[in-house]
Amino acid sequence: MSDELTVAVLMACHNRRASSVRAVREVLGLRGPFSVHVFCVDDGSTDGTGDALEKIPGVTVERGDGSLYWAASMAKAEALAVATDPDYFLWLNDDTFMYPGGLETMLAVSLEWPLAVIVAATRDPETGLLSYGGRRRVSRWHPQRLEKLPVSDAPQFADTFNGNLVLVPRKVHEVVGAIDPEFANSYADDDYGLRATAAGVAVIQPGGFLADCVVNPVTALPSGRGLNAWRHLQEPKGLPWRAQVRFLRRHGPRWWPMLLVAQTAARLAGYRPSR
């Protein structure tokens, strides 16, 4: 890596002032043959997150009204970054804290596999265990049957990924396209990974942990079942019917409507909010 590479960090923020500022300062503080600029969409924070980030040099902040959620916020940040024509886009969650050398490791793997999405394995600092990273399919016909890729000392291939810490080269972005803003809070990262692999782009997880990120708590179950569970599913942070239709139509088999009906009925009978 002789020439300086330009990295555009994409971040969606909402009411996580302390962790957002920490994540941004740590990624801007990384040292290596690269330059970093952060593009953040603050989606209606009321705790001063956007104001705090605007005071940090090297950060561009755009405001949302609270209705964007993760996918649309990331898509807006991505659009801002595209105008600067960076070499790389780095997806970074506002609760993900990179290790020194983490970005350089991801860039090194990317230079070895130029047409690949590089996804980092993150460690839960409270348990020491894997929190997020690459995901692999466990069903040939059901695109939502996914499991975590275990951590290894060597790079591994995945089928898709959690979007907590992901490096997308410009060439890959040109092939795969933009983050889909039509999803709300779920599916957009898995969708991008499956679109990438379908287009012949590899998804690679480097060896070891490259960042810390606490596992998000599971959404509380609604009381009762049936209509109450259905309403809970339709919330943006649930598993909205519209998002499931979009995902299964794009990545599922021809008989995807049967999958949708069956899994929805199962969720309403014994509701689980996680993917």
C-alpha atoms as a PDB file:
ATOM      1  CA  MET A   1       0.000   0.000   0.000  1.00  0.00           C
ATOM      2  CA  SER A   2       2.350   2.675  -1.263  1.00  0.00           C
ATOM      3  CA  ASP A   3      -0.196   5.351  -2.273  1.00  0.00           C
ATOM      4  CA  GLU A   4      -2.605   6.866   0.232  1.00  0.00           C
ATOM      5  CA  LEU A   5      -6.071   5.371  -0.074  1.00  0.00           C
ATOM      6  CA  THR A   6      -9.226   7.378   0.576  1.00  0.00           C
ATOM      7  CA  VAL A   7     -11.788   5.816   2.891  1.00  0.00           C
ATOM      8  CA  ALA A   8     -15.309   7.203   3.323  1.00  0.00           C
ATOM      9  CA  VAL A   9     -16.826   6.034   6.609  1.00  0.00           C
ATOM     10  CA  LEU A  10     -20.612   5.637   6.536  1.00  0.00           C
ATOM     11  CA  MET A  11     -22.480   5.874   9.830  1.00  0.00           C
ATOM     12  CA  ALA A  12     -26.105   6.058  10.937  1.00  0.00           C
ATOM     13  CA  CYS A  13     -26.672   7.623  14.363  1.00  0.00           C
ATOM     14  CA  HIS A  14     -29.606   7.986  16.714  1.00  0.00           C
ATOM     15  CA  ASN A  15     -29.406   8.977  20.370  1.00  0.00           C
ATOM     16  CA  ARG A  16     -26.052   7.367  21.101  1.00  0.00           C
ATOM     17  CA  ARG A  17     -23.995  10.497  21.648  1.00  0.00           C
ATOM     18  CA  ALA A  18     -21.188   9.016  23.733  1.00  0.00           C
ATOM     19  CA  SER A  19     -20.665   5.875  21.673  1.00  0.00           C
ATOM     20  CA  SER A  20     -21.065   7.709  18.346  1.00  0.00           C
ATOM     21  CA  VAL A  21     -18.420  10.263  19.297  1.00  0.00           C
ATOM     22  CA  ARG A  22     -16.115   7.513  20.533  1.00  0.00           C
ATOM     23  CA  ALA A  23     -16.552   5.422  17.368  1.00  0.00           C
ATOM     24  CA  VAL A  24     -15.877   8.434  15.152  1.00  0.00           C
ATOM     25  CA  ARG A  25     -12.838   9.632  17.104  1.00  0.00           C
ATOM     26  CA  GLU A  26     -11.329   6.143  17.112  1.00  0.00           C
ATOM     27  CA  VAL A  27     -11.726   5.587  13.381  1.00  0.00           C
ATOM     28  CA  LEU A  28     -10.347   9.065  12.627  1.00  0.00           C
ATOM     29  CA  GLY A  29      -7.431   8.315  14.932  1.00  0.00           C
ATOM     30  CA  LEU A  30      -6.339   5.230  13.013  1.00  0.00           C
ATOM     31  CA  ARG A  31      -2.942   5.574  11.372  1.00  0.00           C
ATOM     32  CA  GLY A  32      -1.849   4.030   8.094  1.00  0.00           C
ATOM     33  CA  PRO A  33      -1.463   4.669   4.364  1.00  0.00           C
ATOM     34  CA  PHE A  34      -4.986   6.012   4.101  1.00  0.00           C
ATOM     35  CA  SER A  35      -7.088   9.106   4.754  1.00  0.00           C
ATOM     36  CA  VAL A  36     -10.481   8.915   6.412  1.00  0.00           C
ATOM     37  CA  HIS A  37     -13.562  11.115   6.271  1.00  0.00           C
ATOM     38  CA  VAL A  38     -16.785  10.292   8.118  1.00  0.00           C
ATOM     39  CA  PHE A  39     -20.223  10.785   6.584  1.00  0.00           C
ATOM     40  CA  CYS A  40     -22.893  10.505   9.263  1.00  0.00           C
ATOM     41  CA  VAL A  41     -26.664  10.758   9.079  1.00  0.00           C
ATOM     42  CA  ASP A  42     -28.100  11.672  12.466  1.00  0.00           C
ATOM     43  CA  ASP A  43     -31.686  10.477  12.319  1.00  0.00           C
ATOM     44  CA  GLY A  44     -33.493  12.828  14.657  1.00  0.00           C
ATOM     45  CA  SER A  45     -31.358  12.430  17.773  1.00  0.00           C
ATOM     46  CA  THR A  46     -32.568  14.382  20.802  1.00  0.00           C
ATOM     47  CA  ASP A  47     -29.420  13.887  22.905  1.00  0.00           C
ATOM     48  CA  GLY A  48     -27.126  16.183  20.915  1.00  0.00           C
ATOM     49  CA  THR A  49     -25.429  13.429  18.904  1.00  0.00           C
ATOM     50  CA  GLY A  50     -25.437  15.396  15.663  1.00  0.00           C
ATOM     51  CA  ASP A  51     -24.220  18.601  17.320  1.00  0.00           C
ATOM     52  CA  ALA A  52     -21.341  16.764  18.994  1.00  0.00           C
ATOM     53  CA  LEU A  53     -20.266  15.072  15.758  1.00  0.00           C
ATOM     54  CA  GLU A  54     -20.367  18.328  13.777  1.00  0.00           C
ATOM     55  CA  LYS A  55     -17.672  19.726  16.052  1.00  0.00           C
ATOM     56  CA  ILE A  56     -15.207  16.984  15.080  1.00  0.00           C
ATOM     57  CA  PRO A  57     -12.927  17.794  12.103  1.00  0.00           C
ATOM     58  CA  GLY A  58     -13.237  15.274   9.303  1.00  0.00           C
ATOM     59  CA  VAL A  59     -16.951  14.609   9.844  1.00  0.00           C
ATOM     60  CA  THR A  60     -19.874  15.555   7.597  1.00  0.00           C
ATOM     61  CA  VAL A  61     -23.276  15.347   9.289  1.00  0.00           C
ATOM     62  CA  GLU A  62     -26.666  15.306   7.614  1.00  0.00           C
ATOM     63  CA  ARG A  63     -29.860  15.379   9.664  1.00  0.00           C
ATOM     64  CA  GLY A  64     -32.890  13.141   9.457  1.00  0.00           C
ATOM     65  CA  ASP A  65     -36.277  13.538  11.138  1.00  0.00           C
ATOM     66  CA  GLY A  66     -36.301  10.198  12.966  1.00  0.00           C
ATOM     67  CA  SER A  67     -38.133   8.274  10.252  1.00  0.00           C
ATOM     68  CA  LEU A  68     -35.128   6.971   8.307  1.00  0.00           C
ATOM     69  CA  TYR A  69     -33.847   4.196  10.578  1.00  0.00           C
ATOM     70  CA  TRP A  70     -30.649   2.324   9.760  1.00  0.00           C
ATOM     71  CA  ALA A  71     -30.940   1.437   6.080  1.00  0.00           C
ATOM     72  CA  ALA A  72     -32.155   4.766   4.734  1.00  0.00           C
ATOM     73  CA  SER A  73     -29.686   6.627   6.963  1.00  0.00           C
ATOM     74  CA  MET A  74     -26.809   4.528   5.644  1.00  0.00           C
ATOM     75  CA  ALA A  75     -28.017   5.015   2.073  1.00  0.00           C
ATOM     76  CA  LYS A  76     -28.028   8.789   2.587  1.00  0.00           C
ATOM     77  CA  ALA A  77     -24.527   8.698   4.062  1.00  0.00           C
ATOM     78  CA  GLU A  78     -23.421   6.581   1.124  1.00  0.00           C
ATOM     79  CA  ALA A  79     -24.859   9.090  -1.363  1.00  0.00           C
ATOM     80  CA  LEU A  80     -22.925  11.898   0.308  1.00  0.00           C
ATOM     81  CA  ALA A  81     -19.735   9.852   0.121  1.00  0.00           C
ATOM     82  CA  VAL A  82     -20.184   8.828  -3.519  1.00  0.00           C
ATOM     83  CA  ALA A  83     -19.833  12.473  -4.528  1.00  0.00           C
ATOM     84  CA  THR A  84     -16.250  12.434  -3.191  1.00  0.00           C
ATOM     85  CA  ASP A  85     -15.306   9.333  -5.250  1.00  0.00           C
ATOM     86  CA  PRO A  86     -13.427   7.466  -2.468  1.00  0.00           C
ATOM     87  CA  ASP A  87     -11.421   4.307  -2.978  1.00  0.00           C
ATOM     88  CA  TYR A  88     -13.381   2.562  -0.226  1.00  0.00           C
ATOM     89  CA  PHE A  89     -16.623   2.826   1.709  1.00  0.00           C
ATOM     90  CA  LEU A  90     -16.418   1.680   5.329  1.00  0.00           C
ATOM     91  CA  TRP A  91     -19.695   0.860   7.043  1.00  0.00           C
ATOM     92  CA  LEU A  92     -19.348   1.550  10.760  1.00  0.00           C
ATOM     93  CA  ASN A  93     -22.024   1.181  13.413  1.00  0.00           C
ATOM     94  CA  ASP A  94     -22.238   3.899  16.031  1.00  0.00           C
ATOM     95  CA  ASP A  95     -21.489   1.328  18.746  1.00  0.00           C
ATOM     96  CA  THR A  96     -18.533  -0.356  17.033  1.00  0.00           C
ATOM     97  CA  PHE A  97     -15.011   0.542  18.133  1.00  0.00           C
ATOM     98  CA  MET A  98     -12.158  -0.399  15.826  1.00  0.00           C
ATOM     99  CA  TYR A  99      -8.849  -1.787  17.061  1.00  0.00           C
ATOM    100  CA  PRO A 100      -5.569  -0.117  16.051  1.00  0.00           C
ATOM    101  CA  GLY A 101      -4.494  -1.797  12.830  1.00  0.00           C
ATOM    102  CA  GLY A 102      -8.021  -3.030  12.106  1.00  0.00           C
ATOM    103  CA  LEU A 103      -8.590  -0.895   9.034  1.00  0.00           C
ATOM    104  CA  GLU A 104      -5.126  -1.645   7.695  1.00  0.00           C
ATOM    105  CA  THR A 105      -5.872  -5.364   8.039  1.00  0.00           C
ATOM    106  CA  MET A 106      -9.114  -4.991   6.098  1.00  0.00           C
ATOM    107  CA  LEU A 107      -7.382  -2.971   3.382  1.00  0.00           C
ATOM    108  CA  ALA A 108      -4.610  -5.562   3.080  1.00  0.00           C
ATOM    109  CA  VAL A 109      -7.157  -8.343   2.572  1.00  0.00           C
ATOM    110  CA  SER A 110      -8.988  -6.181   0.051  1.00  0.00           C
ATOM    111  CA  LEU A 111      -5.808  -5.626  -1.949  1.00  0.00           C
ATOM    112  CA  GLU A 112      -5.358  -9.408  -2.078  1.00  0.00           C
ATOM    113  CA  TRP A 113      -8.978  -9.919  -3.182  1.00  0.00           C
ATOM    114  CA  PRO A 114      -9.887  -6.713  -5.078  1.00  0.00           C
ATOM    115  CA  LEU A 115     -13.417  -7.801  -6.003  1.00  0.00           C
ATOM    116  CA  ALA A 116     -14.624  -8.658  -2.510  1.00  0.00           C
ATOM    117  CA  VAL A 117     -16.566  -7.157   0.365  1.00  0.00           C
ATOM    118  CA  ILE A 118     -14.464  -7.347   3.537  1.00  0.00           C
ATOM    119  CA  VAL A 119     -16.438  -7.853   6.748  1.00  0.00           C
ATOM    120  CA  ALA A 120     -14.814  -7.685  10.181  1.00  0.00           C
ATOM    121  CA  ALA A 121     -15.563 -10.031  13.048  1.00  0.00           C
ATOM    122  CA  THR A 122     -16.423  -8.016  16.154  1.00  0.00           C
ATOM    123  CA  ARG A 123     -16.006  -9.063  19.766  1.00  0.00           C
ATOM    124  CA  ASP A 124     -18.466  -8.453  22.573  1.00  0.00           C
ATOM    125  CA  PRO A 125     -16.253  -6.871  25.263  1.00  0.00           C
ATOM    126  CA  GLU A 126     -18.620  -8.057  27.993  1.00  0.00           C
ATOM    127  CA  THR A 127     -18.347 -11.758  27.096  1.00  0.00           C
ATOM    128  CA  GLY A 128     -15.253 -11.936  24.900  1.00  0.00           C
ATOM    129  CA  LEU A 129     -17.322 -13.806  22.314  1.00  0.00           C
ATOM    130  CA  LEU A 130     -18.128 -13.146  18.675  1.00  0.00           C
ATOM    131  CA  SER A 131     -20.891 -10.563  18.311  1.00  0.00           C
ATOM    132  CA  TYR A 132     -21.144  -9.723  14.591  1.00  0.00           C
ATOM    133  CA  GLY A 133     -19.413 -10.464  11.299  1.00  0.00           C
ATOM    134  CA  GLY A 134     -19.805 -12.742   8.310  1.00  0.00           C
ATOM    135  CA  ARG A 135     -22.855 -14.965   7.903  1.00  0.00           C
ATOM    136  CA  ARG A 136     -23.303 -18.138   5.921  1.00  0.00           C
ATOM    137  CA  ARG A 137     -26.386 -19.803   4.536  1.00  0.00           C
ATOM    138  CA  VAL A 138     -27.539 -23.023   6.149  1.00  0.00           C
ATOM    139  CA  SER A 139     -30.328 -23.608   3.638  1.00  0.00           C
ATOM    140  CA  ARG A 140     -30.020 -23.739  -0.142  1.00  0.00           C
ATOM    141  CA  TRP A 141     -33.576 -22.510  -0.664  1.00  0.00           C
ATOM    142  CA  HIS A 142     -34.339 -20.227   2.294  1.00  0.00           C
ATOM    143  CA  PRO A 143     -32.288 -16.979   2.115  1.00  0.00           C
ATOM    144  CA  GLN A 144     -33.097 -16.047   5.711  1.00  0.00           C
ATOM    145  CA  ARG A 145     -31.622 -19.194   7.230  1.00  0.00           C
ATOM    146  CA  LEU A 146     -28.234 -17.812   8.222  1.00  0.00           C
ATOM    147  CA  GLU A 147     -25.676 -18.444  10.958  1.00  0.00           C
ATOM    148  CA  LYS A 148     -22.635 -16.569  12.213  1.00  0.00           C
ATOM    149  CA  LEU A 149     -19.299 -17.373  10.620  1.00  0.00           C
ATOM    150  CA  PRO A 150     -16.954 -18.408  13.452  1.00  0.00           C
ATOM    151  CA  VAL A 151     -13.727 -16.515  14.044  1.00  0.00           C
ATOM    152  CA  SER A 152     -10.592 -18.029  12.536  1.00  0.00           C
ATOM    153  CA  ASP A 153      -6.937 -17.094  12.324  1.00  0.00           C
ATOM    154  CA  ALA A 154      -7.183 -17.011   8.525  1.00  0.00           C
ATOM    155  CA  PRO A 155      -9.565 -15.223   6.136  1.00  0.00           C
ATOM    156  CA  GLN A 156     -12.809 -17.051   5.432  1.00  0.00           C
ATOM    157  CA  PHE A 157     -15.484 -16.759   2.778  1.00  0.00           C
ATOM    158  CA  ALA A 158     -19.042 -15.894   3.837  1.00  0.00           C
ATOM    159  CA  ASP A 159     -22.358 -15.625   2.018  1.00  0.00           C
ATOM    160  CA  THR A 160     -23.433 -12.310   3.547  1.00  0.00           C
ATOM    161  CA  PHE A 161     -22.811 -10.256   6.683  1.00  0.00           C
ATOM    162  CA  ASN A 162     -23.929  -8.091   9.561  1.00  0.00           C
ATOM    163  CA  GLY A 163     -23.353  -4.457   8.620  1.00  0.00           C
ATOM    164  CA  ASN A 164     -21.493  -3.391  11.770  1.00  0.00           C
ATOM    165  CA  LEU A 165     -18.043  -3.054  10.203  1.00  0.00           C
ATOM    166  CA  VAL A 166     -17.771  -3.629   6.458  1.00  0.00           C
ATOM    167  CA  LEU A 167     -15.314  -2.443   3.807  1.00  0.00           C
ATOM    168  CA  VAL A 168     -16.674  -2.008   0.271  1.00  0.00           C
ATOM    169  CA  PRO A 169     -14.150  -1.145  -2.464  1.00  0.00           C
ATOM    170  CA  ARG A 170     -15.251   1.328  -5.120  1.00  0.00           C
ATOM    171  CA  LYS A 171     -15.087  -1.423  -7.794  1.00  0.00           C
ATOM    172  CA  VAL A 172     -17.435  -3.568  -5.733  1.00  0.00           C
ATOM    173  CA  HIS A 173     -19.799  -0.650  -5.222  1.00  0.00           C
ATOM    174  CA  GLU A 174     -19.921  -0.171  -8.974  1.00  0.00           C
ATOM    175  CA  VAL A 175     -20.903  -3.830  -9.429  1.00  0.00           C
ATOM    176  CA  VAL A 176     -23.328  -4.304  -6.534  1.00  0.00           C
ATOM    177  CA  GLY A 177     -24.793  -0.820  -6.319  1.00  0.00           C
ATOM    178  CA  ALA A 178     -26.065   1.186  -3.374  1.00  0.00           C
ATOM    179  CA  ILE A 179     -27.500   0.204  -0.014  1.00  0.00           C
ATOM    180  CA  ASP A 180     -31.240  -0.333  -0.449  1.00  0.00           C
ATOM    181  CA  PRO A 181     -33.050   2.397   1.541  1.00  0.00           C
ATOM    182  CA  GLU A 182     -36.414   0.659   1.202  1.00  0.00           C
ATOM    183  CA  PHE A 183     -35.575  -1.615   4.112  1.00  0.00           C
ATOM    184  CA  ALA A 184     -35.972  -0.122   7.575  1.00  0.00           C
ATOM    185  CA  ASN A 185     -33.793  -1.631  10.256  1.00  0.00           C
ATOM    186  CA  SER A 186     -33.448  -5.273   9.213  1.00  0.00           C
ATOM    187  CA  TYR A 187     -32.384  -7.077   6.036  1.00  0.00           C
ATOM    188  CA  ALA A 188     -30.442  -4.280   4.295  1.00  0.00           C
ATOM    189  CA  ASP A 189     -27.038  -5.702   5.247  1.00  0.00           C
ATOM    190  CA  ASP A 190     -27.964  -9.316   4.426  1.00  0.00           C
ATOM    191  CA  ASP A 191     -29.513  -8.048   1.186  1.00  0.00           C
ATOM    192  CA  TYR A 192     -26.291  -6.293   0.178  1.00  0.00           C
ATOM    193  CA  GLY A 193     -24.210  -9.370   0.903  1.00  0.00           C
ATOM    194  CA  LEU A 194     -26.486 -11.695  -1.058  1.00  0.00           C
ATOM    195  CA  ARG A 195     -26.616  -9.230  -3.948  1.00  0.00           C
ATOM    196  CA  ALA A 196     -22.818  -9.185  -3.909  1.00  0.00           C
ATOM    197  CA  THR A 197     -22.400 -12.963  -3.996  1.00  0.00           C
ATOM    198  CA  ALA A 198     -25.077 -13.257  -6.689  1.00  0.00           C
ATOM    199  CA  ALA A 199     -23.036 -10.799  -8.783  1.00  0.00           C
ATOM    200  CA  GLY A 200     -19.864 -12.855  -8.369  1.00  0.00           C
ATOM    201  CA  VAL A 201     -18.401 -10.660  -5.619  1.00  0.00           C
ATOM    202  CA  ALA A 202     -16.824 -12.534  -2.719  1.00  0.00           C
ATOM    203  CA  VAL A 203     -17.558 -11.773   0.939  1.00  0.00           C
ATOM    204  CA  ILE A 204     -14.452 -12.316   3.073  1.00  0.00           C
ATOM    205  CA  GLN A 205     -13.952 -12.153   6.823  1.00  0.00           C
ATOM    206  CA  PRO A 206     -10.308 -11.548   7.829  1.00  0.00           C
ATOM    207  CA  GLY A 207      -8.777 -13.579  10.618  1.00  0.00           C
ATOM    208  CA  GLY A 208      -9.294 -12.531  14.228  1.00  0.00           C
ATOM    209  CA  PHE A 209     -11.345  -9.767  15.827  1.00  0.00           C
ATOM    210  CA  LEU A 210     -10.937  -6.247  14.439  1.00  0.00           C
ATOM    211  CA  ALA A 211     -13.311  -4.292  16.686  1.00  0.00           C
ATOM    212  CA  ASP A 212     -15.475  -4.372  19.792  1.00  0.00           C
ATOM    213  CA  CYS A 213     -19.252  -4.274  19.608  1.00  0.00           C
ATOM    214  CA  VAL A 214     -21.695  -5.347  22.298  1.00  0.00           C
ATOM    215  CA  VAL A 215     -24.494  -7.648  21.150  1.00  0.00           C
ATOM    216  CA  ASN A 216     -27.745  -5.686  20.950  1.00  0.00           C
ATOM    217  CA  PRO A 217     -30.435  -6.937  23.344  1.00  0.00           C
ATOM    218  CA  VAL A 218     -33.273  -8.953  21.852  1.00  0.00           C
ATOM    219  CA  THR A 219     -36.449  -6.935  21.419  1.00  0.00           C
ATOM    220  CA  ALA A 220     -38.953  -7.660  24.178  1.00  0.00           C
ATOM    221  CA  LEU A 221     -41.753 -10.043  23.249  1.00  0.00           C
ATOM    222  CA  PRO A 222     -45.237  -8.550  23.007  1.00  0.00           C
ATOM    223  CA  SER A 223     -47.886  -9.692  25.428  1.00  0.00           C
ATOM    224  CA  GLY A 224     -50.203 -12.222  23.827  1.00  0.00           C
ATOM    225  CA  ARG A 225     -50.168 -13.386  20.236  1.00  0.00           C
ATOM    226  CA  GLY A 226     -52.085 -12.835  17.027  1.00  0.00           C
ATOM    227  CA  LEU A 227     -52.894  -9.196  16.281  1.00  0.00           C
ATOM    228  CA  ASN A 228     -50.613  -7.842  19.001  1.00  0.00           C
ATOM    229  CA  ALA A 229     -47.667  -9.818  17.659  1.00  0.00           C
ATOM    230  CA  TRP A 230     -48.535  -8.775  14.095  1.00  0.00           C
ATOM    231  CA  ARG A 231     -48.456  -5.099  15.054  1.00  0.00           C
ATOM    232  CA  HIS A 232     -45.128  -5.589  16.779  1.00  0.00           C
ATOM    233  CA  LEU A 233     -43.708  -7.269  13.686  1.00  0.00           C
ATOM    234  CA  GLN A 234     -44.744  -4.318  11.518  1.00  0.00           C
ATOM    235  CA  GLU A 235     -42.747  -1.800  13.550  1.00  0.00           C
ATOM    236  CA  PRO A 236     -39.646  -0.495  11.734  1.00  0.00           C
ATOM    237  CA  LYS A 237     -37.351  -2.303  14.169  1.00  0.00           C
ATOM    238  CA  GLY A 238     -39.365  -5.502  13.858  1.00  0.00           C
ATOM    239  CA  LEU A 239     -39.718  -7.581  10.715  1.00  0.00           C
ATOM    240  CA  PRO A 240     -42.201  -5.620   8.588  1.00  0.00           C
ATOM    241  CA  TRP A 241     -44.174  -7.565   5.999  1.00  0.00           C
ATOM    242  CA  ARG A 242     -43.094  -5.138   3.262  1.00  0.00           C
ATOM    243  CA  ALA A 243     -39.397  -5.724   4.022  1.00  0.00           C
ATOM    244  CA  GLN A 244     -39.838  -9.486   4.106  1.00  0.00           C
ATOM    245  CA  VAL A 245     -41.630  -9.426   0.739  1.00  0.00           C
ATOM    246  CA  ARG A 246     -38.857  -7.306  -0.774  1.00  0.00           C
ATOM    247  CA  PHE A 247     -36.129  -9.580   0.586  1.00  0.00           C
ATOM    248  CA  LEU A 248     -37.730 -12.921  -0.294  1.00  0.00           C
ATOM    249  CA  ARG A 249     -38.807 -11.805  -3.757  1.00  0.00           C
ATOM    250  CA  ARG A 250     -35.231 -10.791  -4.495  1.00  0.00           C
ATOM    251  CA  HIS A 251     -33.357 -13.702  -2.915  1.00  0.00           C
ATOM    252  CA  GLY A 252     -35.848 -16.526  -2.425  1.00  0.00           C
ATOM    253  CA  PRO A 253     -37.025 -19.340  -4.701  1.00  0.00           C
ATOM    254  CA  ARG A 254     -39.933 -18.972  -7.092  1.00  0.00           C
ATOM    255  CA  TRP A 255     -42.276 -20.178  -4.394  1.00  0.00           C
ATOM    256  CA  TRP A 256     -41.152 -17.497  -1.935  1.00  0.00           C
ATOM    257  CA  PRO A 257     -44.769 -16.474  -1.106  1.00  0.00           C
ATOM    258  CA  MET A 258     -45.236 -19.871   0.539  1.00  0.00           C
ATOM    259  CA  LEU A 259     -42.135 -19.235   2.669  1.00  0.00           C
ATOM    260  CA  LEU A 260     -43.451 -15.839   3.653  1.00  0.00           C
ATOM    261  CA  VAL A 261     -46.855 -17.139   4.726  1.00  0.00           C
ATOM    262  CA  ALA A 262     -45.394 -20.113   6.599  1.00  0.00           C
ATOM    263  CA  GLN A 263     -42.792 -18.158   8.551  1.00  0.00           C
ATOM    264  CA  THR A 264     -45.218 -15.350   9.342  1.00  0.00           C
ATOM    265  CA  ALA A 265     -47.742 -17.851  10.718  1.00  0.00           C
ATOM    266  CA  ALA A 266     -44.997 -19.445  12.804  1.00  0.00           C
ATOM    267  CA  ARG A 267     -43.927 -16.077  14.199  1.00  0.00           C
ATOM    268  CA  LEU A 268     -47.483 -15.150  15.118  1.00  0.00           C
ATOM    269  CA  ALA A 269     -47.997 -18.487  16.861  1.00  0.00           C
ATOM    270  CA  GLY A 270     -44.749 -18.520  18.812  1.00  0.00           C
ATOM    271  CA  TYR A 271     -43.363 -15.104  18.111  1.00  0.00           C
ATOM    272  CA  ARG A 272     -39.607 -14.491  17.886  1.00  0.00           C
ATOM    273  CA  PRO A 273     -38.490 -10.976  16.869  1.00  0.00           C
ATOM    274  CA  SER A 274     -34.999 -11.867  15.640  1.00  0.00           C
ATOM    275  CA  ARG A 275     -34.093 -12.796  12.091  1.00  0.00           C
END
